[in-house]
Amino acid sequence: MSIMFLFWSWNITESVQAPTQCQATDQREATLTAALEHEDYFGAKELASLRDLFQARVYLGHNSGLRHPSMSPYIFGTRQGCDIIDLEQTLPLLHQALNITGHIVYRGGMVLFLSRQMQVLPWVERLAREVGEYAHCRSWQRGE
């Protein structure tokens, strides 16, 4: 079913056909597909640099005794019992994670911010509220 709009202008009548629901859906799908074809559609690579990660001290890991064996390839070394994370491996993976998160949000998906650290709880909850997403930063209450 198509809808016709008539525009009157000084004795001239133009007939313009409005896009149908199917055409609008096809256009949206084309846009979503085009977004997936770009390596960095949302500019995630501009959000963080190696210098930014270093200045934020992201390289500091946990005690080396707490390391999971699957993390070993991403460890640069150990100093005074603390793992040093290899930022050169971390940065491309961070960009990839940011890009995937961008695609999820772009398609109307939900993001859940999680943190169990009491020191950052207010910031995580505030950030989730500001961007219209959800946060879970407190311990689970056991059922009976």
Foldseek 3Di string as FASTA:
>chain_A
DWDWDWDDDPNDIDIDIDDDPVVVVVVVVVVLVVCVVDPQSPVLLVVDDLVRCVVVVVQWAAFPVPDDPVCVVQFPQDDPRITGGNVVVVSVVSSVVVRVVVSCVVVPHADEAEAQDPVCVVVSCVVCVVVVHHYDHYDDDDDD
